Amino acid sequence: MSDKIRVNGNTLSWGSIKLKINGDRFTGFTSISYGEKRERVYQYGMGPAQAPRGISRGKYTPDPIKLGGPKSTFADLRAALAAQSADGRSYGNVVFQIFVEYVETDDSPVTVELIDCFLTANTSTEEESADSLKEEVEIMCMRVLKNGLSLYDGTEGAP
């Protein structure tokens, strides 16, 4: 199946994004980045061709997720996560889910599930500017699903 043919209409853009963390929608973030890779390596043997004899199943690694935005949005995020912790304060102990949805009427919808996440780093740099003060957090996750599909080998079910 190929992609849609479009004449005019809206394509996916920043305004198309809806982000939920543990089911709660957050609208203040100004950036998000995520990625994943499956490192596969060739297996060689003897022979005149010196060509690969096979390839490994690979090692799946999700990249750190980075969220950026105003300080107030991160204060709300940390408070929401801390409320779910055993002591009501340790937001770094809470495992959470991130659901990102990209939707436009004239384009194919895209969903991204960032599964079993935890916050691992806070970064804040203040400088004189007309902009509002911003922060960035780094989040690790265990898996990424795009429209329910996985880069990792899921033949025996989800890890």
Protein backbone atom coordinates (compact mmCIF):
# COMPACT_ATOMS: atom_id res chain seq x y z
CA MET A 1 0.00 0.00 0.00
CA SER A 2 1.44 3.37 -0.96
CA ASP A 3 0.88 6.73 0.72
CA LYS A 4 -2.14 8.93 -0.01
CA ILE A 5 -2.24 11.33 -2.92
CA ARG A 6 -2.98 14.79 -1.56
CA VAL A 7 -4.19 17.88 -3.32
CA ASN A 8 -4.20 20.81 -0.91
CA GLY A 9 -5.53 19.95 2.54
CA ASN A 10 -3.63 19.83 5.84
CA THR A 11 -0.66 17.59 6.45
CA LEU A 12 0.60 16.59 9.88
CA SER A 13 2.23 19.51 11.68
CA TRP A 14 2.88 20.79 15.21
CA GLY A 15 -0.81 21.60 15.72
CA SER A 16 -1.71 17.98 14.89
CA ILE A 17 0.00 16.59 18.01
CA LYS A 18 -1.85 15.41 21.12
CA LEU A 19 0.28 14.11 23.98
CA LYS A 20 -0.96 12.19 27.01
CA ILE A 21 1.02 10.96 29.98
CA ASN A 22 -0.78 8.26 31.97
CA GLY A 23 -3.99 9.36 30.26
CA ASP A 24 -3.66 13.06 31.17
CA ARG A 25 -3.32 15.46 28.24
CA PHE A 26 -0.45 17.96 28.38
CA THR A 27 -0.50 20.93 25.99
CA GLY A 28 2.45 23.04 27.16
CA PHE A 29 5.33 21.07 25.69
CA THR A 30 7.16 22.83 22.86
CA SER A 31 9.34 19.94 21.69
CA ILE A 32 9.47 16.17 21.75
CA SER A 33 12.04 13.78 20.31
CA TYR A 34 12.30 10.01 20.47
CA GLY A 35 13.86 7.21 18.48
CA GLU A 36 14.70 3.54 18.45
CA LYS A 37 17.12 1.21 16.75
CA ARG A 38 17.63 -2.47 16.17
CA GLU A 39 21.31 -3.19 15.74
CA ARG A 40 21.78 -6.24 13.54
CA VAL A 41 25.15 -7.63 12.50
CA TYR A 42 26.28 -9.88 9.69
CA GLN A 43 27.64 -13.33 10.38
CA TYR A 44 30.48 -14.37 8.10
CA GLY A 45 32.22 -17.65 7.39
CA MET A 46 34.88 -19.04 5.10
CA GLY A 47 34.42 -19.15 1.36
CA PRO A 48 35.54 -17.39 -1.80
CA ALA A 49 32.57 -14.99 -1.90
CA GLN A 50 33.38 -13.43 1.48
CA ALA A 51 29.68 -12.53 1.61
CA PRO A 52 27.54 -12.67 4.76
CA ARG A 53 26.11 -16.10 5.62
CA GLY A 54 23.42 -14.67 7.84
CA ILE A 55 22.39 -11.84 10.10
CA SER A 56 21.67 -11.66 13.84
CA ARG A 57 18.21 -11.05 15.26
CA GLY A 58 19.59 -7.82 16.62
CA LYS A 59 19.56 -5.83 19.81
CA TYR A 60 16.67 -3.40 20.26
CA THR A 61 17.41 -0.10 21.99
CA PRO A 62 14.96 2.77 22.45
CA ASP A 63 16.66 6.18 22.47
CA PRO A 64 16.08 8.63 25.32
CA ILE A 65 12.96 10.74 24.90
CA LYS A 66 13.41 14.48 25.27
CA LEU A 67 10.56 16.83 26.13
CA GLY A 68 10.96 20.60 26.19
CA GLY A 69 8.64 23.34 27.33
CA PRO A 70 7.83 25.97 29.94
CA LYS A 71 8.76 25.49 33.60
CA SER A 72 5.11 25.44 34.66
CA THR A 73 4.32 22.43 32.46
CA PHE A 74 7.19 20.48 34.01
CA ALA A 75 6.12 21.50 37.51
CA ASP A 76 2.69 20.03 36.70
CA LEU A 77 4.25 16.86 35.25
CA ARG A 78 6.51 16.30 38.27
CA ALA A 79 3.58 16.88 40.65
CA ALA A 80 1.40 14.39 38.73
CA LEU A 81 4.14 11.75 38.78
CA ALA A 82 5.05 12.35 42.42
CA ALA A 83 1.40 11.90 43.41
CA GLN A 84 1.62 8.35 42.03
CA SER A 85 4.76 7.44 43.99
CA ALA A 86 4.77 5.50 47.25
CA ASP A 87 5.96 8.50 49.28
CA GLY A 88 4.12 11.19 47.27
CA ARG A 89 7.40 12.95 46.46
CA SER A 90 9.70 10.69 44.40
CA TYR A 91 8.65 11.38 40.81
CA GLY A 92 11.77 9.56 39.51
CA ASN A 93 10.41 6.25 40.85
CA VAL A 94 7.17 6.28 38.85
CA VAL A 95 6.78 4.21 35.68
CA PHE A 96 4.42 5.90 33.23
CA GLN A 97 3.11 5.65 29.67
CA ILE A 98 3.28 8.33 26.97
CA PHE A 99 0.81 8.32 24.10
CA VAL A 100 1.41 10.70 21.19
CA GLU A 101 -1.19 11.08 18.48
CA TYR A 102 -0.80 12.95 15.19
CA VAL A 103 -4.17 13.62 13.54
CA GLU A 104 -5.33 15.70 10.57
CA THR A 105 -8.51 15.19 8.58
CA ASP A 106 -6.68 15.03 5.26
CA ASP A 107 -3.77 12.83 6.38
CA SER A 108 -3.21 9.33 7.74
CA PRO A 109 -3.24 9.29 11.57
CA VAL A 110 -0.06 8.28 13.40
CA THR A 111 0.05 7.01 16.98
CA VAL A 112 3.20 6.50 19.01
CA GLU A 113 3.19 4.61 22.30
CA LEU A 114 6.24 5.10 24.51
CA ILE A 115 5.88 2.20 26.92
CA ASP A 116 7.10 1.86 30.52
CA CYS A 117 8.81 5.25 30.83
CA PHE A 118 10.65 6.87 33.72
CA LEU A 119 12.11 10.34 34.08
CA THR A 120 15.92 10.28 34.26
CA ALA A 121 17.16 13.87 33.88
CA ASN A 122 16.06 17.48 34.31
CA THR A 123 17.83 20.31 32.49
CA SER A 124 17.19 24.01 32.93
CA THR A 125 19.12 26.95 31.51
CA GLU A 126 17.99 30.48 32.17
CA GLU A 127 19.17 33.46 30.17
CA GLU A 128 18.01 37.00 29.53
CA SER A 129 15.42 36.87 26.75
CA ALA A 130 11.89 37.81 25.79
CA ASP A 131 11.04 34.09 25.84
CA SER A 132 9.46 32.38 28.81
CA LEU A 133 11.74 30.21 30.96
CA LYS A 134 12.01 26.67 29.67
CA GLU A 135 13.20 23.26 30.78
CA GLU A 136 13.98 19.95 29.16
CA VAL A 137 13.63 16.48 30.62
CA GLU A 138 15.06 13.19 29.51
CA ILE A 139 12.93 10.08 29.77
CA MET A 140 13.85 6.45 29.17
CA CYS A 141 11.31 3.94 27.92
CA MET A 142 11.34 0.20 27.37
CA ARG A 143 9.60 0.03 23.97
CA VAL A 144 8.14 2.13 21.18
CA LEU A 145 5.10 1.20 19.10
CA LYS A 146 4.14 3.18 16.00
CA ASN A 147 0.54 2.60 14.95
CA GLY A 148 0.73 -0.58 17.04
CA LEU A 149 3.75 -1.88 15.09
CA SER A 150 7.16 -2.69 16.55
CA LEU A 151 10.74 -2.49 15.28
CA TYR A 152 11.73 -5.20 17.78
CA ASP A 153 10.99 -8.88 17.20
CA GLY A 154 7.57 -9.44 18.72
CA THR A 155 6.97 -12.97 17.40
CA GLU A 156 6.74 -14.35 20.94
CA GLY A 157 4.75 -11.41 22.29
CA ALA A 158 5.89 -8.17 23.88
CA PRO A 159 8.96 -8.41 26.11
